[in-house]
Amino acid sequence: MNRLHRMACWAKTWRTLVVLCMALWAAAGHAGDHISKRAYFEDPSGSLQLEQVRAASWQSYSGVLSRGYGASVIWLRLRIEPGPSTPNGQLVLRIRPSYLDDLQLYDPADPARPVHALGDSHPQHQGVFSSLNFNFTIAQMDQARDVWLRLSTTSTRIIHVEALDIEEAIQADRRQELFYSLYLAALTLFLVWGTAQWLLSR
């Protein structure tokens, strides 16, 4: 009974630490975000083009958008603010999670290349730096503008987008990798502990 009680206490403590780390990580990640407004539109047919969805009825949201499983296409409208100037005049759209099938970016500031595509359905592309996430590079403008992101995936339709300068995006990735490392280390510790307990109590 004592053993079970100790295991329950360890599990509760670990859950508390994980929640605390995620809260601190999220707070740090939003510090330099250039996105001021987020809205989404769900296209059940999956056939609408940008010109059609721009006039649709959009719903505002904040933080992470989660629409569960479904066949509908999700469109995001993101208001990009100029913010402090970046050294290279570019921002990184940092998109998580990293298992989405098809992401298409429509940026009016880049008319020569109207559609940028990333996702599991496209050839691997690391962008300006190696990352565990999907990253689009966009120009930083003097005025606020809207960009549109089209999401189509067979996995759960959950998405979180940040617009960061490159240095902040790299730092956010390093924090993410540190969190993953701690998480995997904890899982390994529990696996070794459980195996040792099983061997000793056979």
N, C-alpha and C. Protein backbone atom coordinates (compact mmCIF):
# COMPACT_ATOMS: atom_id res chain seq x y z
N MET A 1 0.83 -1.21 0.00
CA MET A 1 0.00 0.00 0.00
C MET A 1 0.86 1.26 0.00
N ASN A 2 1.95 1.22 0.79
CA ASN A 2 2.85 2.36 0.84
C ASN A 2 3.48 2.61 -0.53
N ARG A 3 3.80 1.50 -1.20
CA ARG A 3 4.39 1.63 -2.53
C ARG A 3 3.43 2.32 -3.48
N LEU A 4 2.16 1.92 -3.47
CA LEU A 4 1.17 2.54 -4.32
C LEU A 4 0.98 4.01 -3.98
N HIS A 5 1.01 4.31 -2.67
CA HIS A 5 0.86 5.70 -2.24
C HIS A 5 2.02 6.55 -2.74
N ARG A 6 3.24 6.00 -2.65
CA ARG A 6 4.40 6.75 -3.11
C ARG A 6 4.33 6.97 -4.62
N MET A 7 3.90 5.94 -5.36
CA MET A 7 3.78 6.08 -6.80
C MET A 7 2.74 7.14 -7.17
N ALA A 8 1.63 7.17 -6.44
CA ALA A 8 0.59 8.17 -6.69
C ALA A 8 1.11 9.58 -6.41
N CYS A 9 1.88 9.71 -5.34
CA CYS A 9 2.46 11.03 -5.00
C CYS A 9 3.44 11.49 -6.07
N TRP A 10 4.28 10.55 -6.54
CA TRP A 10 5.23 10.89 -7.61
C TRP A 10 4.48 11.31 -8.88
N ALA A 11 3.44 10.57 -9.22
CA ALA A 11 2.68 10.89 -10.43
C ALA A 11 2.02 12.27 -10.32
N LYS A 12 1.46 12.56 -9.14
CA LYS A 12 0.82 13.86 -8.94
C LYS A 12 1.84 14.99 -9.02
N THR A 13 2.99 14.78 -8.39
CA THR A 13 4.05 15.80 -8.43
C THR A 13 4.52 16.03 -9.86
N TRP A 14 4.71 14.94 -10.60
CA TRP A 14 5.17 15.05 -11.97
C TRP A 14 4.15 15.80 -12.83
N ARG A 15 2.86 15.50 -12.66
CA ARG A 15 1.83 16.20 -13.43
C ARG A 15 1.85 17.70 -13.13
N THR A 16 2.03 18.04 -11.87
CA THR A 16 2.09 19.45 -11.48
C THR A 16 3.28 20.15 -12.14
N LEU A 17 4.44 19.49 -12.14
CA LEU A 17 5.63 20.07 -12.77
C LEU A 17 5.44 20.23 -14.27
N VAL A 18 4.81 19.25 -14.91
CA VAL A 18 4.58 19.34 -16.36
C VAL A 18 3.67 20.51 -16.68
N VAL A 19 2.58 20.66 -15.93
CA VAL A 19 1.65 21.78 -16.16
C VAL A 19 2.35 23.11 -15.94
N LEU A 20 3.16 23.22 -14.89
CA LEU A 20 3.89 24.45 -14.60
C LEU A 20 4.87 24.77 -15.73
N CYS A 21 5.62 23.77 -16.19
CA CYS A 21 6.58 23.99 -17.27
C CYS A 21 5.88 24.43 -18.55
N MET A 22 4.74 23.82 -18.86
CA MET A 22 4.00 24.18 -20.07
C MET A 22 3.47 25.61 -19.97
N ALA A 23 3.02 26.01 -18.78
CA ALA A 23 2.51 27.37 -18.60
C ALA A 23 3.63 28.39 -18.78
N LEU A 24 4.79 28.12 -18.18
CA LEU A 24 5.92 29.03 -18.32
C LEU A 24 6.41 29.08 -19.76
N TRP A 25 6.44 27.92 -20.41
CA TRP A 25 6.88 27.83 -21.80
C TRP A 25 5.94 28.63 -22.71
N ALA A 26 4.62 28.47 -22.50
CA ALA A 26 3.65 29.19 -23.32
C ALA A 26 3.75 30.69 -23.11
N ALA A 27 3.93 31.10 -21.85
CA ALA A 27 4.05 32.52 -21.56
C ALA A 27 5.28 33.12 -22.23
N ALA A 28 6.38 32.39 -22.21
CA ALA A 28 7.60 32.88 -22.85
C ALA A 28 7.45 32.92 -24.36
N GLY A 29 6.74 31.95 -24.91
CA GLY A 29 6.59 31.86 -26.35
C GLY A 29 5.76 32.98 -26.94
N HIS A 30 4.83 33.60 -26.16
CA HIS A 30 3.96 34.64 -26.67
C HIS A 30 4.58 36.03 -26.53
N ALA A 31 5.77 36.14 -25.93
CA ALA A 31 6.32 37.45 -25.61
C ALA A 31 6.50 38.31 -26.85
N GLY A 32 7.00 37.76 -27.97
CA GLY A 32 7.26 38.56 -29.16
C GLY A 32 6.34 38.26 -30.31
N ASP A 33 5.15 37.74 -30.04
CA ASP A 33 4.23 37.35 -31.09
C ASP A 33 3.69 38.58 -31.81
N HIS A 34 3.77 38.59 -33.16
CA HIS A 34 3.30 39.71 -33.97
C HIS A 34 1.86 39.54 -34.41
N ILE A 35 1.19 38.48 -33.98
CA ILE A 35 -0.21 38.27 -34.36
C ILE A 35 -1.10 38.93 -33.30
N SER A 36 -1.93 39.88 -33.74
CA SER A 36 -2.80 40.59 -32.82
C SER A 36 -4.24 40.06 -32.82
N LYS A 37 -4.67 39.48 -33.93
CA LYS A 37 -6.03 38.94 -34.04
C LYS A 37 -5.99 37.62 -34.79
N ARG A 38 -6.83 36.70 -34.32
CA ARG A 38 -6.96 35.39 -34.97
C ARG A 38 -8.43 35.09 -35.21
N ALA A 39 -8.74 34.55 -36.37
CA ALA A 39 -10.11 34.14 -36.68
C ALA A 39 -10.04 32.91 -37.57
N TYR A 40 -11.13 32.11 -37.55
CA TYR A 40 -11.16 30.91 -38.37
C TYR A 40 -12.49 30.77 -39.08
N PHE A 41 -12.48 30.02 -40.17
CA PHE A 41 -13.68 29.70 -40.94
C PHE A 41 -13.57 28.24 -41.35
N GLU A 42 -14.67 27.50 -41.19
CA GLU A 42 -14.68 26.07 -41.52
C GLU A 42 -15.42 25.86 -42.84
N ASP A 43 -14.72 25.23 -43.77
CA ASP A 43 -15.26 24.96 -45.11
C ASP A 43 -15.60 23.48 -45.21
N PRO A 44 -16.87 23.09 -45.03
CA PRO A 44 -17.24 21.67 -45.09
C PRO A 44 -16.98 21.04 -46.45
N SER A 45 -17.11 21.82 -47.52
CA SER A 45 -16.92 21.26 -48.86
C SER A 45 -15.45 21.07 -49.19
N GLY A 46 -14.59 21.88 -48.59
CA GLY A 46 -13.16 21.81 -48.87
C GLY A 46 -12.79 22.31 -50.25
N SER A 47 -13.73 22.99 -50.94
CA SER A 47 -13.48 23.41 -52.32
C SER A 47 -13.42 24.92 -52.49
N LEU A 48 -13.68 25.68 -51.43
CA LEU A 48 -13.70 27.13 -51.56
C LEU A 48 -12.29 27.69 -51.76
N GLN A 49 -12.21 28.74 -52.55
CA GLN A 49 -10.96 29.42 -52.80
C GLN A 49 -10.84 30.65 -51.89
N LEU A 50 -9.65 31.23 -51.86
CA LEU A 50 -9.41 32.36 -50.96
C LEU A 50 -10.38 33.51 -51.23
N GLU A 51 -10.65 33.82 -52.50
CA GLU A 51 -11.55 34.92 -52.82
C GLU A 51 -12.94 34.69 -52.24
N GLN A 52 -13.35 33.44 -52.13
CA GLN A 52 -14.67 33.13 -51.58
C GLN A 52 -14.68 33.19 -50.06
N VAL A 53 -13.64 32.67 -49.42
CA VAL A 53 -13.65 32.63 -47.96
C VAL A 53 -13.36 33.99 -47.35
N ARG A 54 -12.75 34.91 -48.09
CA ARG A 54 -12.46 36.23 -47.53
C ARG A 54 -13.74 36.97 -47.15
N ALA A 55 -14.82 36.70 -47.88
CA ALA A 55 -16.10 37.36 -47.61
C ALA A 55 -16.99 36.54 -46.67
N ALA A 56 -16.45 35.44 -46.12
CA ALA A 56 -17.25 34.57 -45.26
C ALA A 56 -17.38 35.16 -43.86
N SER A 57 -18.18 34.51 -43.04
CA SER A 57 -18.37 34.92 -41.65
C SER A 57 -17.32 34.22 -40.78
N TRP A 58 -16.37 34.98 -40.26
CA TRP A 58 -15.25 34.44 -39.51
C TRP A 58 -15.55 34.49 -38.01
N GLN A 59 -14.98 33.54 -37.29
CA GLN A 59 -15.14 33.48 -35.83
C GLN A 59 -13.78 33.72 -35.17
N SER A 60 -13.77 34.65 -34.23
CA SER A 60 -12.52 34.97 -33.54
C SER A 60 -12.15 33.86 -32.56
N TYR A 61 -10.86 33.70 -32.33
CA TYR A 61 -10.37 32.77 -31.32
C TYR A 61 -9.03 33.29 -30.82
N SER A 62 -8.53 32.70 -29.76
CA SER A 62 -7.22 33.07 -29.24
C SER A 62 -6.45 31.82 -28.86
N GLY A 63 -5.14 31.91 -28.92
CA GLY A 63 -4.30 30.78 -28.52
C GLY A 63 -4.39 29.63 -29.49
N VAL A 64 -4.69 28.45 -28.95
CA VAL A 64 -4.74 27.22 -29.75
C VAL A 64 -6.16 27.02 -30.28
N LEU A 65 -6.25 26.70 -31.57
CA LEU A 65 -7.55 26.36 -32.17
C LEU A 65 -7.65 24.85 -32.26
N SER A 66 -8.74 24.29 -31.72
CA SER A 66 -8.97 22.84 -31.75
C SER A 66 -10.37 22.57 -32.28
N ARG A 67 -10.44 21.89 -33.43
CA ARG A 67 -11.73 21.56 -34.04
C ARG A 67 -11.94 20.06 -34.13
N GLY A 68 -11.12 19.28 -33.43
CA GLY A 68 -11.31 17.84 -33.40
C GLY A 68 -11.08 17.19 -34.76
N TYR A 69 -11.60 15.97 -34.91
CA TYR A 69 -11.48 15.25 -36.17
C TYR A 69 -12.61 15.67 -37.10
N GLY A 70 -12.33 15.67 -38.39
CA GLY A 70 -13.34 16.01 -39.37
C GLY A 70 -12.73 16.16 -40.74
N ALA A 71 -13.59 16.18 -41.76
CA ALA A 71 -13.14 16.30 -43.15
C ALA A 71 -13.12 17.74 -43.64
N SER A 72 -13.68 18.66 -42.86
CA SER A 72 -13.75 20.06 -43.28
C SER A 72 -12.37 20.70 -43.32
N VAL A 73 -12.21 21.64 -44.21
CA VAL A 73 -11.00 22.44 -44.28
C VAL A 73 -11.13 23.63 -43.34
N ILE A 74 -10.08 23.93 -42.61
CA ILE A 74 -10.06 25.06 -41.69
C ILE A 74 -9.21 26.18 -42.29
N TRP A 75 -9.81 27.37 -42.38
CA TRP A 75 -9.08 28.56 -42.82
C TRP A 75 -8.80 29.45 -41.61
N LEU A 76 -7.60 29.97 -41.53
CA LEU A 76 -7.23 30.92 -40.48
C LEU A 76 -6.94 32.28 -41.10
N ARG A 77 -7.43 33.31 -40.44
CA ARG A 77 -7.08 34.69 -40.83
C ARG A 77 -6.28 35.30 -39.69
N LEU A 78 -5.04 35.68 -39.98
CA LEU A 78 -4.12 36.16 -38.95
C LEU A 78 -3.73 37.60 -39.25
N ARG A 79 -3.94 38.48 -38.28
CA ARG A 79 -3.53 39.88 -38.43
C ARG A 79 -2.09 40.03 -37.95
N ILE A 80 -1.20 40.36 -38.87
CA ILE A 80 0.22 40.50 -38.59
C ILE A 80 0.54 41.97 -38.34
N GLU A 81 1.01 42.29 -37.14
CA GLU A 81 1.38 43.65 -36.79
C GLU A 81 2.86 43.89 -37.11
N PRO A 82 3.22 45.14 -37.45
CA PRO A 82 4.63 45.41 -37.79
C PRO A 82 5.58 45.11 -36.62
N GLY A 83 5.29 45.69 -35.45
CA GLY A 83 6.15 45.46 -34.29
C GLY A 83 7.53 46.03 -34.50
N PRO A 84 8.44 45.76 -33.56
CA PRO A 84 9.82 46.23 -33.70
C PRO A 84 10.47 45.63 -34.94
N SER A 85 11.30 46.41 -35.58
CA SER A 85 11.97 45.95 -36.80
C SER A 85 12.89 44.78 -36.49
N THR A 86 12.88 43.79 -37.37
CA THR A 86 13.79 42.66 -37.24
C THR A 86 15.02 42.90 -38.10
N PRO A 87 16.17 42.31 -37.74
CA PRO A 87 17.41 42.58 -38.48
C PRO A 87 17.32 42.28 -39.97
N ASN A 88 16.61 41.21 -40.34
CA ASN A 88 16.56 40.82 -41.76
C ASN A 88 15.21 41.16 -42.41
N GLY A 89 14.33 41.85 -41.68
CA GLY A 89 13.05 42.24 -42.24
C GLY A 89 12.10 41.09 -42.50
N GLN A 90 12.28 39.98 -41.76
CA GLN A 90 11.42 38.81 -41.95
C GLN A 90 10.87 38.33 -40.61
N LEU A 91 9.73 37.65 -40.70
CA LEU A 91 9.12 36.99 -39.55
C LEU A 91 8.93 35.52 -39.89
N VAL A 92 8.85 34.71 -38.85
CA VAL A 92 8.62 33.28 -39.01
C VAL A 92 7.25 32.94 -38.46
N LEU A 93 6.40 32.35 -39.30
CA LEU A 93 5.14 31.79 -38.82
C LEU A 93 5.45 30.40 -38.28
N ARG A 94 5.44 30.27 -36.97
CA ARG A 94 5.80 29.01 -36.30
C ARG A 94 4.51 28.24 -36.00
N ILE A 95 4.37 27.06 -36.61
CA ILE A 95 3.10 26.33 -36.57
C ILE A 95 3.30 24.99 -35.89
N ARG A 96 2.47 24.71 -34.91
CA ARG A 96 2.46 23.43 -34.22
C ARG A 96 1.04 22.89 -34.21
N PRO A 97 0.87 21.56 -34.12
CA PRO A 97 1.84 20.47 -34.01
C PRO A 97 2.48 20.17 -35.36
N SER A 98 3.41 19.21 -35.34
CA SER A 98 4.21 18.93 -36.54
C SER A 98 3.71 17.72 -37.31
N TYR A 99 2.44 17.32 -37.13
CA TYR A 99 1.92 16.16 -37.86
C TYR A 99 0.73 16.53 -38.74
N LEU A 100 0.59 17.80 -39.10
CA LEU A 100 -0.50 18.23 -39.97
C LEU A 100 -0.18 17.89 -41.42
N ASP A 101 -1.21 17.55 -42.20
CA ASP A 101 -0.99 17.04 -43.55
C ASP A 101 -0.70 18.13 -44.57
N ASP A 102 -1.53 19.18 -44.59
CA ASP A 102 -1.41 20.17 -45.66
C ASP A 102 -1.69 21.56 -45.11
N LEU A 103 -0.69 22.43 -45.21
CA LEU A 103 -0.79 23.83 -44.80
C LEU A 103 -0.45 24.70 -45.99
N GLN A 104 -1.37 25.62 -46.33
CA GLN A 104 -1.13 26.53 -47.45
C GLN A 104 -1.26 27.96 -46.96
N LEU A 105 -0.24 28.75 -47.22
CA LEU A 105 -0.20 30.14 -46.79
C LEU A 105 -0.45 31.07 -47.97
N TYR A 106 -1.37 32.03 -47.77
CA TYR A 106 -1.66 33.05 -48.77
C TYR A 106 -1.27 34.40 -48.16
N ASP A 107 -0.24 35.02 -48.74
CA ASP A 107 0.30 36.26 -48.19
C ASP A 107 0.23 37.34 -49.27
N PRO A 108 -0.60 38.39 -49.07
CA PRO A 108 -0.71 39.44 -50.10
C PRO A 108 0.59 40.21 -50.30
N ALA A 109 1.52 40.13 -49.35
CA ALA A 109 2.80 40.83 -49.50
C ALA A 109 3.76 40.08 -50.40
N ASP A 110 3.36 38.89 -50.85
CA ASP A 110 4.22 38.08 -51.72
C ASP A 110 3.42 37.64 -52.94
N PRO A 111 3.02 38.60 -53.80
CA PRO A 111 2.17 38.25 -54.94
C PRO A 111 2.87 37.38 -55.98
N ALA A 112 4.19 37.41 -56.01
CA ALA A 112 4.91 36.59 -56.99
C ALA A 112 4.79 35.10 -56.68
N ARG A 113 4.55 34.78 -55.40
CA ARG A 113 4.39 33.39 -55.00
C ARG A 113 3.13 33.31 -54.13
N PRO A 114 1.95 33.23 -54.76
CA PRO A 114 0.70 33.37 -54.01
C PRO A 114 0.43 32.28 -53.00
N VAL A 115 1.00 31.08 -53.19
CA VAL A 115 0.72 29.98 -52.27
C VAL A 115 2.02 29.35 -51.80
N HIS A 116 2.17 29.23 -50.49
CA HIS A 116 3.28 28.49 -49.88
C HIS A 116 2.67 27.24 -49.24
N ALA A 117 3.28 26.09 -49.42
CA ALA A 117 2.71 24.84 -48.91
C ALA A 117 3.72 24.09 -48.07
N LEU A 118 3.24 23.57 -46.93
CA LEU A 118 4.03 22.72 -46.05
C LEU A 118 3.12 21.62 -45.52
N GLY A 119 3.72 20.63 -44.87
CA GLY A 119 2.94 19.57 -44.24
C GLY A 119 3.45 18.20 -44.62
N ASP A 120 2.84 17.19 -44.00
CA ASP A 120 3.26 15.81 -44.26
C ASP A 120 2.99 15.37 -45.69
N SER A 121 2.09 16.05 -46.39
CA SER A 121 1.77 15.69 -47.78
C SER A 121 2.73 16.32 -48.77
N HIS A 122 3.67 17.12 -48.29
CA HIS A 122 4.60 17.82 -49.17
C HIS A 122 6.03 17.41 -48.85
N PRO A 123 6.94 17.59 -49.80
CA PRO A 123 8.35 17.27 -49.52
C PRO A 123 8.85 18.06 -48.32
N GLN A 124 9.74 17.44 -47.55
CA GLN A 124 10.25 18.08 -46.34
C GLN A 124 10.98 19.36 -46.69
N HIS A 125 10.67 20.41 -45.92
CA HIS A 125 11.31 21.70 -46.14
C HIS A 125 11.55 22.33 -44.77
N GLN A 126 12.80 22.63 -44.46
CA GLN A 126 13.16 23.14 -43.14
C GLN A 126 13.13 24.67 -43.06
N GLY A 127 13.04 25.35 -44.18
CA GLY A 127 12.99 26.80 -44.13
C GLY A 127 14.33 27.41 -43.76
N VAL A 128 14.28 28.48 -42.97
CA VAL A 128 15.51 29.22 -42.66
C VAL A 128 16.33 28.57 -41.57
N PHE A 129 15.76 27.63 -40.82
CA PHE A 129 16.52 26.92 -39.80
C PHE A 129 15.86 25.58 -39.53
N SER A 130 16.67 24.64 -39.01
CA SER A 130 16.16 23.30 -38.71
C SER A 130 15.20 23.37 -37.53
N SER A 131 14.05 22.73 -37.64
CA SER A 131 13.02 22.85 -36.60
C SER A 131 12.17 21.59 -36.53
N LEU A 132 11.61 21.34 -35.36
CA LEU A 132 10.66 20.26 -35.18
C LEU A 132 9.26 20.67 -35.64
N ASN A 133 9.07 21.96 -35.93
CA ASN A 133 7.76 22.50 -36.29
C ASN A 133 7.73 22.90 -37.76
N PHE A 134 6.55 23.32 -38.22
CA PHE A 134 6.41 23.88 -39.56
C PHE A 134 6.65 25.38 -39.48
N ASN A 135 7.45 25.91 -40.40
CA ASN A 135 7.79 27.33 -40.40
C ASN A 135 7.62 27.94 -41.79
N PHE A 136 6.81 28.99 -41.87
CA PHE A 136 6.74 29.81 -43.06
C PHE A 136 7.50 31.11 -42.79
N THR A 137 8.25 31.59 -43.75
CA THR A 137 8.93 32.87 -43.63
C THR A 137 8.13 33.91 -44.40
N ILE A 138 7.80 35.03 -43.72
CA ILE A 138 7.04 36.10 -44.36
C ILE A 138 7.79 37.42 -44.16
N ALA A 139 7.49 38.38 -45.03
CA ALA A 139 8.13 39.69 -44.93
C ALA A 139 7.48 40.50 -43.81
N GLN A 140 8.28 41.29 -43.12
CA GLN A 140 7.77 42.21 -42.12
C GLN A 140 7.47 43.53 -42.80
N MET A 141 6.22 43.99 -42.72
CA MET A 141 5.80 45.20 -43.41
C MET A 141 5.70 46.37 -42.42
N ASP A 142 5.55 47.58 -42.98
CA ASP A 142 5.41 48.77 -42.14
C ASP A 142 4.00 48.93 -41.57
N GLN A 143 3.04 48.26 -42.18
CA GLN A 143 1.65 48.35 -41.74
C GLN A 143 1.11 46.95 -41.46
N ALA A 144 0.06 46.92 -40.63
CA ALA A 144 -0.57 45.64 -40.31
C ALA A 144 -1.24 45.07 -41.56
N ARG A 145 -1.25 43.75 -41.66
CA ARG A 145 -1.90 43.09 -42.79
C ARG A 145 -2.43 41.74 -42.34
N ASP A 146 -3.33 41.19 -43.14
CA ASP A 146 -3.87 39.86 -42.89
C ASP A 146 -3.18 38.86 -43.80
N VAL A 147 -2.89 37.69 -43.25
CA VAL A 147 -2.46 36.55 -44.06
C VAL A 147 -3.45 35.42 -43.78
N TRP A 148 -3.58 34.51 -44.73
CA TRP A 148 -4.54 33.42 -44.62
C TRP A 148 -3.81 32.09 -44.66
N LEU A 149 -4.25 31.18 -43.82
CA LEU A 149 -3.65 29.86 -43.73
C LEU A 149 -4.75 28.82 -43.91
N ARG A 150 -4.55 27.90 -44.85
CA ARG A 150 -5.53 26.85 -45.13
C ARG A 150 -5.00 25.53 -44.56
N LEU A 151 -5.80 24.89 -43.69
CA LEU A 151 -5.40 23.64 -43.05
C LEU A 151 -6.31 22.51 -43.50
N SER A 152 -5.71 21.45 -44.03
CA SER A 152 -6.43 20.23 -44.38
C SER A 152 -5.62 19.06 -43.83
N THR A 153 -6.25 18.24 -42.99
CA THR A 153 -5.52 17.14 -42.37
C THR A 153 -6.45 16.01 -41.98
N THR A 154 -5.93 14.81 -41.98
CA THR A 154 -6.70 13.65 -41.52
C THR A 154 -6.52 13.41 -40.03
N SER A 155 -5.55 14.09 -39.43
CA SER A 155 -5.34 13.99 -37.98
C SER A 155 -6.27 14.98 -37.28
N THR A 156 -6.18 15.07 -35.98
CA THR A 156 -7.00 16.03 -35.26
C THR A 156 -6.65 17.45 -35.71
N ARG A 157 -7.66 18.27 -35.93
CA ARG A 157 -7.46 19.61 -36.46
C ARG A 157 -7.20 20.59 -35.31
N ILE A 158 -6.01 20.51 -34.79
CA ILE A 158 -5.56 21.40 -33.74
C ILE A 158 -4.35 22.15 -34.26
N ILE A 159 -4.31 23.46 -34.03
CA ILE A 159 -3.22 24.25 -34.60
C ILE A 159 -2.94 25.47 -33.73
N HIS A 160 -1.67 25.78 -33.61
CA HIS A 160 -1.23 26.97 -32.89
C HIS A 160 -0.20 27.68 -33.75
N VAL A 161 -0.42 28.97 -34.00
CA VAL A 161 0.45 29.75 -34.89
C VAL A 161 0.98 30.96 -34.14
N GLU A 162 2.28 31.19 -34.29
CA GLU A 162 2.91 32.40 -33.76
C GLU A 162 3.69 33.06 -34.89
N ALA A 163 3.79 34.39 -34.84
CA ALA A 163 4.62 35.14 -35.78
C ALA A 163 5.76 35.77 -35.00
N LEU A 164 6.95 35.22 -35.14
CA LEU A 164 8.10 35.63 -34.36
C LEU A 164 9.24 36.03 -35.29
N ASP A 165 10.16 36.85 -34.76
CA ASP A 165 11.36 37.05 -35.54
C ASP A 165 12.21 35.79 -35.44
N ILE A 166 13.19 35.65 -36.32
CA ILE A 166 13.91 34.39 -36.44
C ILE A 166 14.61 34.01 -35.14
N GLU A 167 15.22 34.97 -34.45
CA GLU A 167 15.92 34.67 -33.21
C GLU A 167 14.96 34.15 -32.15
N GLU A 168 13.78 34.78 -32.04
CA GLU A 168 12.79 34.32 -31.06
C GLU A 168 12.27 32.94 -31.42
N ALA A 169 12.09 32.68 -32.72
CA ALA A 169 11.61 31.36 -33.15
C ALA A 169 12.63 30.28 -32.80
N ILE A 170 13.91 30.58 -33.00
CA ILE A 170 14.95 29.61 -32.66
C ILE A 170 14.98 29.36 -31.15
N GLN A 171 14.87 30.43 -30.35
CA GLN A 171 14.85 30.27 -28.90
C GLN A 171 13.64 29.46 -28.45
N ALA A 172 12.47 29.72 -29.06
CA ALA A 172 11.27 28.96 -28.72
C ALA A 172 11.45 27.49 -29.05
N ASP A 173 12.11 27.20 -30.16
CA ASP A 173 12.37 25.80 -30.53
C ASP A 173 13.30 25.14 -29.52
N ARG A 174 14.32 25.87 -29.05
CA ARG A 174 15.24 25.30 -28.08
C ARG A 174 14.51 25.01 -26.76
N ARG A 175 13.59 25.89 -26.35
CA ARG A 175 12.81 25.62 -25.13
C ARG A 175 11.94 24.39 -25.33
N GLN A 176 11.36 24.27 -26.52
CA GLN A 176 10.53 23.11 -26.82
C GLN A 176 11.35 21.83 -26.76
N GLU A 177 12.54 21.86 -27.35
CA GLU A 177 13.40 20.68 -27.34
C GLU A 177 13.82 20.32 -25.92
N LEU A 178 14.08 21.34 -25.07
CA LEU A 178 14.43 21.08 -23.68
C LEU A 178 13.27 20.42 -22.95
N PHE A 179 12.05 20.92 -23.19
CA PHE A 179 10.88 20.32 -22.56
C PHE A 179 10.70 18.87 -23.00
N TYR A 180 10.86 18.61 -24.29
CA TYR A 180 10.74 17.24 -24.78
C TYR A 180 11.80 16.34 -24.16
N SER A 181 13.01 16.87 -24.00
CA SER A 181 14.09 16.08 -23.41
C SER A 181 13.76 15.71 -21.97
N LEU A 182 13.24 16.70 -21.20
CA LEU A 182 12.87 16.42 -19.81
C LEU A 182 11.73 15.41 -19.75
N TYR A 183 10.79 15.54 -20.67
CA TYR A 183 9.65 14.62 -20.69
C TYR A 183 10.11 13.19 -20.99
N LEU A 184 10.99 13.05 -21.99
CA LEU A 184 11.50 11.71 -22.34
C LEU A 184 12.36 11.15 -21.21
N ALA A 185 13.12 12.03 -20.53
CA ALA A 185 13.93 11.57 -19.41
C ALA A 185 13.04 11.06 -18.28
N ALA A 186 11.94 11.76 -18.02
CA ALA A 186 11.02 11.32 -16.97
C ALA A 186 10.37 9.98 -17.34
N LEU A 187 9.97 9.83 -18.61
CA LEU A 187 9.38 8.56 -19.04
C LEU A 187 10.38 7.43 -18.88
N THR A 188 11.64 7.68 -19.25
CA THR A 188 12.68 6.67 -19.11
C THR A 188 12.89 6.31 -17.65
N LEU A 189 12.87 7.33 -16.77
CA LEU A 189 13.04 7.09 -15.33
C LEU A 189 11.93 6.21 -14.79
N PHE A 190 10.70 6.50 -15.17
CA PHE A 190 9.57 5.69 -14.70
C PHE A 190 9.64 4.28 -15.27
N LEU A 191 10.10 4.13 -16.50
CA LEU A 191 10.23 2.80 -17.10
C LEU A 191 11.27 1.98 -16.35
N VAL A 192 12.43 2.59 -16.06
CA VAL A 192 13.48 1.89 -15.32
C VAL A 192 13.01 1.55 -13.92
N TRP A 193 12.33 2.51 -13.27
CA TRP A 193 11.82 2.29 -11.91
C TRP A 193 10.80 1.15 -11.89
N GLY A 194 9.87 1.19 -12.87
CA GLY A 194 8.86 0.13 -12.91
C GLY A 194 9.47 -1.23 -13.18
N THR A 195 10.47 -1.28 -14.07
CA THR A 195 11.14 -2.55 -14.37
C THR A 195 11.88 -3.08 -13.14
N ALA A 196 12.56 -2.17 -12.41
CA ALA A 196 13.28 -2.58 -11.20
C ALA A 196 12.32 -3.10 -10.14
N GLN A 197 11.17 -2.42 -9.97
CA GLN A 197 10.17 -2.88 -9.00
C GLN A 197 9.64 -4.26 -9.37
N TRP A 198 9.43 -4.47 -10.65
CA TRP A 198 8.92 -5.77 -11.11
C TRP A 198 9.94 -6.88 -10.86
N LEU A 199 11.21 -6.59 -11.15
CA LEU A 199 12.25 -7.59 -10.95
C LEU A 199 12.45 -7.93 -9.47
N LEU A 200 12.34 -6.90 -8.61
CA LEU A 200 12.54 -7.13 -7.17
C LEU A 200 11.35 -7.81 -6.50
N SER A 201 10.18 -7.68 -7.08
CA SER A 201 8.98 -8.25 -6.43
C SER A 201 8.49 -9.53 -7.11
N ARG A 202 9.30 -10.12 -7.99
CA ARG A 202 8.88 -11.35 -8.65
C ARG A 202 8.76 -12.49 -7.65
